[in-house]
Amino acid sequence: MSSDIKNFGFPRWGSYGRDKETEAVRMCDYTGCSERGDHPAPKSPGSSERWHFCRPHAAEYNQNWNFFEGMSAEETKQHMNDTSESSGAFAGARTFEWGGAMDSDGNSSAELAAYDVLEVDADSSPDLIKKQYRKLAKIYHPDANSGDPAAATRFHEVQTAYDILRKKHNF
C-alpha cells in the first residue's frame, strides 16, 4: 500500500484540488474594501471605462450616480433634447444592451456569468467551450440523472450558458 498521504489510499483520486486552475479575481475598487469586484459601473457618462465594485458598494455608487453631474443647465437640456429625439441615442448607450454593461474586454455580465457556469476562462477558444459544454451536459443531463431536480436545474444553466456563448462566438 502506498504511503503517500495525498492520495488517501486511492492513487487514482489524487490530492484534493489537483485539477483546479487558479482563478483571476478582480477586487472591489472602493478604497479599503477587500471583497470581489464583480459588479461593473461606468466611470463617467459615455465612457467605456468601468469601476468594479462588490454588491454593497455598487448599490451605493448607483444610488449616488448623477449622469448630468458637471453639466450646466443649458448642456443638460441640450443633451436631453438630443437624446429624446432619436432612438439612436438609446441604442448607442451600451449600458442598456441585453446582458448588461460591457467590461474592458468587451464581455457583458451575462457572458461573464456564462463563462463561469461552463467553468472556462473568458479568453477560451470556441473548441474548448464546446468541449466543456459536452462534458457538463453529459454529467447533468436529465436522462443520466432521472428524478434529480438539482441536476435538471444545473443542466438548464449549462445549456443557457452555452447558447449565450455560441451566439457571441458564432459557432
N, C-alpha and C. Protein backbone atom coordinates (compact mmCIF):
# COMPACT_ATOMS: atom_id res chain seq x y z
N MET A 1 0.85 -1.18 0.00
CA MET A 1 0.00 0.00 0.00
C MET A 1 0.89 1.24 0.00
N SER A 2 0.47 2.26 -0.75
CA SER A 2 1.25 3.48 -0.87
C SER A 2 1.24 4.26 0.43
N SER A 3 2.36 4.85 0.73
CA SER A 3 2.43 5.67 1.95
C SER A 3 2.21 7.15 1.64
N ASP A 4 1.86 7.44 0.40
CA ASP A 4 1.62 8.83 0.01
C ASP A 4 0.33 9.33 0.67
N ILE A 5 0.45 10.32 1.54
CA ILE A 5 -0.70 10.81 2.30
C ILE A 5 -1.69 11.54 1.40
N LYS A 6 -1.23 12.14 0.31
CA LYS A 6 -2.11 12.94 -0.53
C LYS A 6 -3.15 12.11 -1.28
N ASN A 7 -2.92 10.82 -1.48
CA ASN A 7 -3.87 10.07 -2.29
C ASN A 7 -4.90 9.32 -1.45
N PHE A 8 -4.83 9.38 -0.15
CA PHE A 8 -5.81 8.80 0.76
C PHE A 8 -6.05 7.31 0.51
N GLY A 9 -5.02 6.61 0.01
CA GLY A 9 -5.14 5.19 -0.23
C GLY A 9 -5.77 4.86 -1.57
N PHE A 10 -6.19 5.86 -2.32
CA PHE A 10 -6.78 5.64 -3.62
C PHE A 10 -5.97 6.43 -4.64
N PRO A 11 -4.93 5.81 -5.22
CA PRO A 11 -3.99 6.54 -6.08
C PRO A 11 -4.64 7.27 -7.25
N ARG A 12 -5.70 6.73 -7.82
CA ARG A 12 -6.25 7.43 -8.98
C ARG A 12 -7.03 8.67 -8.58
N TRP A 13 -7.39 8.81 -7.30
CA TRP A 13 -8.08 10.01 -6.86
C TRP A 13 -7.16 11.21 -6.87
N GLY A 14 -5.96 11.03 -6.38
CA GLY A 14 -5.03 12.14 -6.27
C GLY A 14 -5.43 13.07 -5.14
N SER A 15 -4.70 14.15 -5.02
CA SER A 15 -4.98 15.09 -3.93
C SER A 15 -6.14 16.00 -4.29
N TYR A 16 -6.78 16.54 -3.27
CA TYR A 16 -7.90 17.46 -3.49
C TYR A 16 -7.42 18.71 -4.20
N GLY A 17 -8.21 19.15 -5.18
CA GLY A 17 -7.91 20.39 -5.89
C GLY A 17 -6.84 20.28 -6.95
N ARG A 18 -6.40 19.08 -7.29
CA ARG A 18 -5.29 18.96 -8.24
C ARG A 18 -5.69 19.39 -9.64
N ASP A 19 -6.97 19.30 -10.00
CA ASP A 19 -7.41 19.64 -11.34
C ASP A 19 -7.90 21.07 -11.45
N LYS A 20 -7.80 21.85 -10.41
CA LYS A 20 -8.31 23.21 -10.44
C LYS A 20 -7.21 24.19 -10.86
N GLU A 21 -7.62 25.08 -11.74
CA GLU A 21 -6.73 26.15 -12.18
C GLU A 21 -6.90 27.34 -11.23
N THR A 22 -5.92 28.21 -11.22
CA THR A 22 -6.07 29.41 -10.42
C THR A 22 -7.12 30.30 -11.06
N GLU A 23 -7.81 31.05 -10.25
CA GLU A 23 -8.89 31.90 -10.72
C GLU A 23 -8.49 33.37 -10.53
N ALA A 24 -8.57 34.12 -11.62
CA ALA A 24 -8.29 35.55 -11.52
C ALA A 24 -9.47 36.23 -10.82
N VAL A 25 -9.17 37.00 -9.80
CA VAL A 25 -10.23 37.67 -9.04
C VAL A 25 -10.00 39.17 -9.12
N ARG A 26 -11.03 39.89 -9.53
CA ARG A 26 -10.97 41.35 -9.56
C ARG A 26 -11.49 41.84 -8.22
N MET A 27 -10.72 42.68 -7.57
CA MET A 27 -11.10 43.20 -6.25
C MET A 27 -11.94 44.47 -6.41
N CYS A 28 -12.74 44.75 -5.41
CA CYS A 28 -13.59 45.93 -5.39
C CYS A 28 -12.71 47.19 -5.44
N ASP A 29 -13.10 48.15 -6.29
CA ASP A 29 -12.34 49.39 -6.45
C ASP A 29 -12.61 50.40 -5.33
N TYR A 30 -13.55 50.10 -4.44
CA TYR A 30 -13.85 51.01 -3.34
C TYR A 30 -12.66 50.99 -2.37
N THR A 31 -12.17 52.15 -2.00
CA THR A 31 -10.99 52.24 -1.14
C THR A 31 -11.18 51.48 0.17
N GLY A 32 -10.26 50.57 0.44
CA GLY A 32 -10.27 49.83 1.70
C GLY A 32 -11.11 48.56 1.67
N CYS A 33 -11.81 48.28 0.58
CA CYS A 33 -12.66 47.09 0.52
C CYS A 33 -11.84 45.91 -0.01
N SER A 34 -12.02 44.73 0.60
CA SER A 34 -11.27 43.55 0.17
C SER A 34 -12.19 42.47 -0.40
N GLU A 35 -13.41 42.85 -0.82
CA GLU A 35 -14.35 41.90 -1.43
C GLU A 35 -14.10 41.82 -2.93
N ARG A 36 -14.73 40.83 -3.58
CA ARG A 36 -14.64 40.69 -5.03
C ARG A 36 -15.40 41.82 -5.71
N GLY A 37 -14.84 42.36 -6.77
CA GLY A 37 -15.48 43.42 -7.54
C GLY A 37 -16.16 42.86 -8.77
N ASP A 38 -17.28 42.19 -8.59
CA ASP A 38 -17.98 41.51 -9.69
C ASP A 38 -19.01 42.39 -10.39
N HIS A 39 -19.19 43.63 -9.95
CA HIS A 39 -20.26 44.47 -10.48
C HIS A 39 -19.68 45.73 -11.12
N PRO A 40 -19.61 45.77 -12.48
CA PRO A 40 -19.04 46.94 -13.15
C PRO A 40 -19.99 48.13 -13.12
N ALA A 41 -19.40 49.32 -13.05
CA ALA A 41 -20.17 50.57 -13.07
C ALA A 41 -19.37 51.58 -13.89
N PRO A 42 -20.06 52.42 -14.69
CA PRO A 42 -19.34 53.37 -15.54
C PRO A 42 -18.59 54.41 -14.71
N LYS A 43 -17.38 54.76 -15.19
CA LYS A 43 -16.62 55.80 -14.51
C LYS A 43 -17.17 57.18 -14.81
N SER A 44 -17.67 57.35 -16.03
CA SER A 44 -18.27 58.64 -16.41
C SER A 44 -19.26 58.39 -17.54
N PRO A 45 -20.20 59.32 -17.75
CA PRO A 45 -21.19 59.17 -18.82
C PRO A 45 -20.51 59.02 -20.18
N GLY A 46 -20.94 58.03 -20.95
CA GLY A 46 -20.41 57.83 -22.29
C GLY A 46 -19.06 57.17 -22.36
N SER A 47 -18.49 56.80 -21.24
CA SER A 47 -17.17 56.18 -21.21
C SER A 47 -17.30 54.66 -21.15
N SER A 48 -16.38 53.96 -21.81
CA SER A 48 -16.39 52.50 -21.72
C SER A 48 -15.59 52.02 -20.52
N GLU A 49 -14.91 52.94 -19.83
CA GLU A 49 -14.14 52.56 -18.64
C GLU A 49 -15.10 52.26 -17.49
N ARG A 50 -14.76 51.27 -16.69
CA ARG A 50 -15.64 50.82 -15.62
C ARG A 50 -14.88 50.71 -14.30
N TRP A 51 -15.60 51.03 -13.23
CA TRP A 51 -15.20 50.67 -11.88
C TRP A 51 -15.74 49.26 -11.66
N HIS A 52 -15.16 48.52 -10.76
CA HIS A 52 -15.69 47.20 -10.41
C HIS A 52 -15.85 47.17 -8.89
N PHE A 53 -17.09 47.00 -8.45
CA PHE A 53 -17.42 47.05 -7.04
C PHE A 53 -18.01 45.72 -6.56
N CYS A 54 -17.97 45.53 -5.25
CA CYS A 54 -18.74 44.45 -4.64
C CYS A 54 -20.20 44.92 -4.64
N ARG A 55 -21.12 44.04 -4.32
CA ARG A 55 -22.55 44.39 -4.42
C ARG A 55 -22.93 45.60 -3.54
N PRO A 56 -22.53 45.65 -2.26
CA PRO A 56 -22.93 46.81 -1.45
C PRO A 56 -22.38 48.14 -1.97
N HIS A 57 -21.12 48.13 -2.43
CA HIS A 57 -20.53 49.37 -2.92
C HIS A 57 -21.09 49.75 -4.29
N ALA A 58 -21.46 48.76 -5.11
CA ALA A 58 -22.12 49.05 -6.39
C ALA A 58 -23.47 49.72 -6.14
N ALA A 59 -24.20 49.21 -5.15
CA ALA A 59 -25.50 49.81 -4.81
C ALA A 59 -25.33 51.25 -4.33
N GLU A 60 -24.32 51.48 -3.50
CA GLU A 60 -24.06 52.84 -3.01
C GLU A 60 -23.67 53.77 -4.16
N TYR A 61 -22.80 53.28 -5.04
CA TYR A 61 -22.36 54.07 -6.20
C TYR A 61 -23.55 54.41 -7.10
N ASN A 62 -24.39 53.42 -7.38
CA ASN A 62 -25.54 53.64 -8.25
C ASN A 62 -26.54 54.61 -7.63
N GLN A 63 -26.69 54.54 -6.32
CA GLN A 63 -27.63 55.43 -5.64
C GLN A 63 -27.18 56.89 -5.76
N ASN A 64 -25.87 57.10 -5.77
CA ASN A 64 -25.34 58.46 -5.83
C ASN A 64 -24.98 58.91 -7.25
N TRP A 65 -25.19 58.05 -8.25
CA TRP A 65 -24.81 58.35 -9.63
C TRP A 65 -25.69 59.46 -10.20
N ASN A 66 -25.07 60.44 -10.82
CA ASN A 66 -25.78 61.53 -11.47
C ASN A 66 -25.17 61.71 -12.86
N PHE A 67 -25.89 61.27 -13.87
CA PHE A 67 -25.41 61.35 -15.25
C PHE A 67 -25.07 62.78 -15.64
N PHE A 68 -25.83 63.73 -15.15
CA PHE A 68 -25.68 65.12 -15.58
C PHE A 68 -24.74 65.94 -14.70
N GLU A 69 -24.07 65.29 -13.76
CA GLU A 69 -23.14 66.00 -12.88
C GLU A 69 -22.04 66.65 -13.70
N GLY A 70 -21.78 67.90 -13.42
CA GLY A 70 -20.75 68.65 -14.13
C GLY A 70 -21.26 69.37 -15.38
N MET A 71 -22.50 69.12 -15.77
CA MET A 71 -23.08 69.81 -16.92
C MET A 71 -23.86 71.03 -16.44
N SER A 72 -23.82 72.04 -17.25
CA SER A 72 -24.63 73.23 -16.93
C SER A 72 -26.09 72.90 -17.24
N ALA A 73 -26.99 73.77 -16.79
CA ALA A 73 -28.42 73.57 -17.06
C ALA A 73 -28.68 73.57 -18.57
N GLU A 74 -27.96 74.44 -19.28
CA GLU A 74 -28.11 74.50 -20.74
C GLU A 74 -27.63 73.20 -21.40
N GLU A 75 -26.47 72.69 -20.98
CA GLU A 75 -25.95 71.43 -21.54
C GLU A 75 -26.87 70.25 -21.23
N THR A 76 -27.42 70.24 -20.02
CA THR A 76 -28.35 69.17 -19.62
C THR A 76 -29.58 69.19 -20.51
N LYS A 77 -30.15 70.37 -20.70
CA LYS A 77 -31.35 70.50 -21.53
C LYS A 77 -31.04 70.10 -22.97
N GLN A 78 -29.90 70.55 -23.48
CA GLN A 78 -29.50 70.21 -24.85
C GLN A 78 -29.33 68.70 -25.00
N HIS A 79 -28.68 68.06 -24.04
CA HIS A 79 -28.46 66.61 -24.09
C HIS A 79 -29.80 65.86 -24.04
N MET A 80 -30.68 66.29 -23.18
CA MET A 80 -31.98 65.63 -23.06
C MET A 80 -32.78 65.78 -24.35
N ASN A 81 -32.73 66.95 -24.98
CA ASN A 81 -33.45 67.15 -26.25
C ASN A 81 -32.84 66.31 -27.37
N ASP A 82 -31.51 66.26 -27.43
CA ASP A 82 -30.83 65.50 -28.46
C ASP A 82 -31.14 64.01 -28.35
N THR A 83 -31.09 63.48 -27.15
CA THR A 83 -31.27 62.04 -26.99
C THR A 83 -32.73 61.62 -27.03
N SER A 84 -33.63 62.52 -26.70
CA SER A 84 -35.04 62.12 -26.72
C SER A 84 -35.61 62.13 -28.13
N GLU A 85 -34.91 62.78 -29.06
CA GLU A 85 -35.40 62.89 -30.43
C GLU A 85 -35.12 61.64 -31.26
N SER A 86 -34.11 60.87 -30.88
CA SER A 86 -33.74 59.73 -31.72
C SER A 86 -33.58 58.47 -30.89
N SER A 87 -33.87 57.36 -31.54
CA SER A 87 -33.66 56.09 -30.86
C SER A 87 -32.19 55.69 -30.92
N GLY A 88 -31.43 56.35 -31.78
CA GLY A 88 -30.01 56.03 -31.89
C GLY A 88 -29.24 56.31 -30.61
N ALA A 89 -29.69 57.30 -29.86
CA ALA A 89 -29.02 57.62 -28.61
C ALA A 89 -29.19 56.49 -27.61
N PHE A 90 -30.39 55.92 -27.57
CA PHE A 90 -30.63 54.79 -26.67
C PHE A 90 -29.82 53.59 -27.10
N ALA A 91 -29.82 53.31 -28.40
CA ALA A 91 -29.09 52.16 -28.92
C ALA A 91 -27.59 52.33 -28.71
N GLY A 92 -27.12 53.57 -28.74
CA GLY A 92 -25.69 53.81 -28.57
C GLY A 92 -25.21 53.68 -27.15
N ALA A 93 -26.12 53.68 -26.19
CA ALA A 93 -25.73 53.56 -24.79
C ALA A 93 -25.54 52.08 -24.47
N ARG A 94 -24.30 51.63 -24.38
CA ARG A 94 -24.01 50.21 -24.20
C ARG A 94 -24.53 49.68 -22.88
N THR A 95 -24.84 50.57 -21.96
CA THR A 95 -25.34 50.15 -20.65
C THR A 95 -26.66 49.42 -20.79
N PHE A 96 -27.42 49.72 -21.84
CA PHE A 96 -28.75 49.17 -21.96
C PHE A 96 -28.83 47.93 -22.85
N GLU A 97 -27.69 47.37 -23.22
CA GLU A 97 -27.70 46.15 -24.01
C GLU A 97 -28.25 45.00 -23.19
N TRP A 98 -28.79 44.00 -23.88
CA TRP A 98 -29.21 42.79 -23.18
C TRP A 98 -27.98 42.17 -22.57
N GLY A 99 -27.99 41.77 -21.39
CA GLY A 99 -26.83 41.16 -20.76
C GLY A 99 -26.00 42.15 -19.97
N GLY A 100 -26.34 43.41 -20.02
CA GLY A 100 -25.69 44.38 -19.17
C GLY A 100 -24.54 45.11 -19.82
N ALA A 101 -23.89 45.92 -19.03
CA ALA A 101 -22.78 46.73 -19.50
C ALA A 101 -21.59 45.84 -19.83
N MET A 102 -20.75 46.34 -20.70
CA MET A 102 -19.56 45.60 -21.12
C MET A 102 -18.40 45.90 -20.19
N ASP A 103 -17.55 44.90 -19.98
CA ASP A 103 -16.33 45.15 -19.21
C ASP A 103 -15.25 45.63 -20.17
N SER A 104 -14.04 45.81 -19.68
CA SER A 104 -12.97 46.35 -20.51
C SER A 104 -12.57 45.40 -21.64
N ASP A 105 -12.90 44.11 -21.53
CA ASP A 105 -12.58 43.14 -22.58
C ASP A 105 -13.72 42.94 -23.56
N GLY A 106 -14.84 43.66 -23.39
CA GLY A 106 -15.96 43.56 -24.30
C GLY A 106 -16.94 42.46 -23.97
N ASN A 107 -16.92 41.94 -22.75
CA ASN A 107 -17.85 40.89 -22.32
C ASN A 107 -18.95 41.49 -21.47
N SER A 108 -20.20 41.10 -21.75
CA SER A 108 -21.31 41.56 -20.92
C SER A 108 -21.34 40.74 -19.64
N SER A 109 -22.11 41.19 -18.67
CA SER A 109 -22.20 40.45 -17.41
C SER A 109 -22.82 39.07 -17.64
N ALA A 110 -23.75 38.97 -18.60
CA ALA A 110 -24.35 37.66 -18.92
C ALA A 110 -23.30 36.72 -19.52
N GLU A 111 -22.43 37.25 -20.37
CA GLU A 111 -21.37 36.42 -20.95
C GLU A 111 -20.36 35.98 -19.90
N LEU A 112 -20.00 36.89 -18.99
CA LEU A 112 -19.08 36.52 -17.92
C LEU A 112 -19.69 35.44 -17.03
N ALA A 113 -20.98 35.55 -16.75
CA ALA A 113 -21.66 34.53 -15.95
C ALA A 113 -21.68 33.20 -16.71
N ALA A 114 -21.86 33.26 -18.03
CA ALA A 114 -21.88 32.04 -18.84
C ALA A 114 -20.53 31.34 -18.80
N TYR A 115 -19.45 32.11 -18.87
CA TYR A 115 -18.11 31.51 -18.75
C TYR A 115 -17.96 30.82 -17.39
N ASP A 116 -18.46 31.46 -16.34
CA ASP A 116 -18.38 30.86 -15.01
C ASP A 116 -19.17 29.56 -14.92
N VAL A 117 -20.37 29.54 -15.49
CA VAL A 117 -21.21 28.34 -15.44
C VAL A 117 -20.52 27.18 -16.16
N LEU A 118 -19.90 27.48 -17.30
CA LEU A 118 -19.20 26.44 -18.06
C LEU A 118 -17.80 26.15 -17.52
N GLU A 119 -17.39 26.90 -16.51
CA GLU A 119 -16.10 26.70 -15.85
C GLU A 119 -14.93 26.84 -16.82
N VAL A 120 -14.99 27.89 -17.66
CA VAL A 120 -13.90 28.21 -18.59
C VAL A 120 -13.54 29.68 -18.42
N ASP A 121 -12.37 30.06 -18.92
CA ASP A 121 -11.93 31.44 -18.87
C ASP A 121 -12.59 32.24 -19.98
N ALA A 122 -12.64 33.55 -19.81
CA ALA A 122 -13.28 34.42 -20.80
C ALA A 122 -12.51 34.44 -22.12
N ASP A 123 -11.24 34.08 -22.11
CA ASP A 123 -10.46 34.06 -23.35
C ASP A 123 -10.34 32.65 -23.94
N SER A 124 -11.21 31.74 -23.52
CA SER A 124 -11.17 30.37 -24.02
C SER A 124 -11.58 30.30 -25.48
N SER A 125 -11.02 29.33 -26.18
CA SER A 125 -11.35 29.14 -27.60
C SER A 125 -12.73 28.51 -27.74
N PRO A 126 -13.38 28.71 -28.89
CA PRO A 126 -14.68 28.06 -29.12
C PRO A 126 -14.61 26.53 -28.97
N ASP A 127 -13.49 25.94 -29.39
CA ASP A 127 -13.36 24.48 -29.26
C ASP A 127 -13.35 24.05 -27.80
N LEU A 128 -12.67 24.81 -26.94
CA LEU A 128 -12.65 24.49 -25.52
C LEU A 128 -14.02 24.68 -24.89
N ILE A 129 -14.73 25.72 -25.31
CA ILE A 129 -16.09 25.97 -24.80
C ILE A 129 -17.01 24.80 -25.17
N LYS A 130 -16.94 24.36 -26.43
CA LYS A 130 -17.75 23.21 -26.87
C LYS A 130 -17.42 21.96 -26.08
N LYS A 131 -16.13 21.72 -25.90
CA LYS A 131 -15.68 20.52 -25.18
C LYS A 131 -16.20 20.54 -23.73
N GLN A 132 -16.09 21.69 -23.08
CA GLN A 132 -16.55 21.81 -21.69
C GLN A 132 -18.07 21.68 -21.61
N TYR A 133 -18.77 22.24 -22.59
CA TYR A 133 -20.23 22.10 -22.62
C TYR A 133 -20.62 20.63 -22.72
N ARG A 134 -20.00 19.91 -23.63
CA ARG A 134 -20.33 18.49 -23.80
C ARG A 134 -20.05 17.70 -22.52
N LYS A 135 -18.95 18.02 -21.88
CA LYS A 135 -18.59 17.33 -20.63
C LYS A 135 -19.66 17.57 -19.56
N LEU A 136 -20.03 18.83 -19.35
CA LEU A 136 -21.02 19.15 -18.32
C LEU A 136 -22.42 18.66 -18.69
N ALA A 137 -22.75 18.70 -19.99
CA ALA A 137 -24.06 18.22 -20.42
C ALA A 137 -24.21 16.72 -20.14
N LYS A 138 -23.14 15.97 -20.34
CA LYS A 138 -23.20 14.53 -20.05
C LYS A 138 -23.39 14.27 -18.56
N ILE A 139 -22.74 15.08 -17.74
CA ILE A 139 -22.84 14.89 -16.29
C ILE A 139 -24.23 15.23 -15.78
N TYR A 140 -24.81 16.33 -16.24
CA TYR A 140 -26.05 16.85 -15.66
C TYR A 140 -27.31 16.58 -16.48
N HIS A 141 -27.19 15.87 -17.60
CA HIS A 141 -28.35 15.64 -18.45
C HIS A 141 -29.44 14.90 -17.66
N PRO A 142 -30.71 15.32 -17.82
CA PRO A 142 -31.80 14.68 -17.07
C PRO A 142 -31.93 13.17 -17.31
N ASP A 143 -31.55 12.69 -18.50
CA ASP A 143 -31.61 11.26 -18.76
C ASP A 143 -30.61 10.48 -17.91
N ALA A 144 -29.50 11.13 -17.56
CA ALA A 144 -28.49 10.47 -16.73
C ALA A 144 -28.78 10.64 -15.24
N ASN A 145 -29.68 11.56 -14.90
CA ASN A 145 -29.99 11.87 -13.50
C ASN A 145 -31.50 11.90 -13.29
N SER A 146 -32.17 10.81 -13.64
CA SER A 146 -33.63 10.82 -13.56
C SER A 146 -34.11 11.09 -12.14
N GLY A 147 -35.03 12.02 -12.03
CA GLY A 147 -35.62 12.34 -10.75
C GLY A 147 -34.81 13.29 -9.88
N ASP A 148 -33.69 13.80 -10.38
CA ASP A 148 -32.86 14.72 -9.59
C ASP A 148 -33.12 16.14 -10.08
N PRO A 149 -33.92 16.92 -9.35
CA PRO A 149 -34.23 18.28 -9.81
C PRO A 149 -33.01 19.20 -9.82
N ALA A 150 -32.05 18.96 -8.93
CA ALA A 150 -30.85 19.81 -8.90
C ALA A 150 -30.03 19.62 -10.18
N ALA A 151 -29.94 18.38 -10.64
CA ALA A 151 -29.20 18.10 -11.87
C ALA A 151 -29.91 18.72 -13.07
N ALA A 152 -31.24 18.66 -13.09
CA ALA A 152 -32.01 19.26 -14.18
C ALA A 152 -31.82 20.76 -14.22
N THR A 153 -31.81 21.39 -13.06
CA THR A 153 -31.59 22.84 -12.97
C THR A 153 -30.19 23.19 -13.46
N ARG A 154 -29.20 22.41 -13.04
CA ARG A 154 -27.82 22.66 -13.46
C ARG A 154 -27.68 22.46 -14.97
N PHE A 155 -28.33 21.44 -15.52
CA PHE A 155 -28.28 21.21 -16.96
C PHE A 155 -28.86 22.42 -17.71
N HIS A 156 -29.97 22.95 -17.20
CA HIS A 156 -30.57 24.12 -17.82
C HIS A 156 -29.61 25.32 -17.79
N GLU A 157 -28.91 25.51 -16.68
CA GLU A 157 -27.92 26.59 -16.57
C GLU A 157 -26.81 26.41 -17.60
N VAL A 158 -26.31 25.17 -17.71
CA VAL A 158 -25.24 24.86 -18.65
C VAL A 158 -25.71 25.12 -20.09
N GLN A 159 -26.93 24.68 -20.42
CA GLN A 159 -27.46 24.86 -21.76
C GLN A 159 -27.63 26.35 -22.09
N THR A 160 -28.15 27.11 -21.15
CA THR A 160 -28.34 28.55 -21.37
C THR A 160 -26.99 29.25 -21.55
N ALA A 161 -26.02 28.90 -20.73
CA ALA A 161 -24.68 29.50 -20.84
C ALA A 161 -24.07 29.19 -22.20
N TYR A 162 -24.21 27.96 -22.64
CA TYR A 162 -23.66 27.57 -23.94
C TYR A 162 -24.34 28.35 -25.06
N ASP A 163 -25.65 28.52 -24.99
CA ASP A 163 -26.37 29.28 -26.01
C ASP A 163 -25.89 30.72 -26.09
N ILE A 164 -25.63 31.33 -24.94
CA ILE A 164 -25.13 32.71 -24.90
C ILE A 164 -23.76 32.80 -25.56
N LEU A 165 -22.86 31.86 -25.23
CA LEU A 165 -21.51 31.90 -25.77
C LEU A 165 -21.48 31.48 -27.24
N ARG A 166 -22.36 30.58 -27.63
CA ARG A 166 -22.44 30.17 -29.02
C ARG A 166 -22.83 31.37 -29.89
N LYS A 167 -23.75 32.17 -29.40
CA LYS A 167 -24.17 33.37 -30.13
C LYS A 167 -23.03 34.38 -30.20
N LYS A 168 -22.31 34.55 -29.10
CA LYS A 168 -21.20 35.52 -29.07
C LYS A 168 -20.09 35.13 -30.04
N HIS A 169 -19.73 33.83 -30.08
CA HIS A 169 -18.60 33.36 -30.88
C HIS A 169 -19.01 32.86 -32.27
N ASN A 170 -20.31 32.91 -32.57
CA ASN A 170 -20.83 32.50 -33.89
C ASN A 170 -20.42 31.08 -34.28
N PHE A 171 -20.72 30.12 -33.41
CA PHE A 171 -20.48 28.71 -33.78
C PHE A 171 -21.71 27.89 -33.55
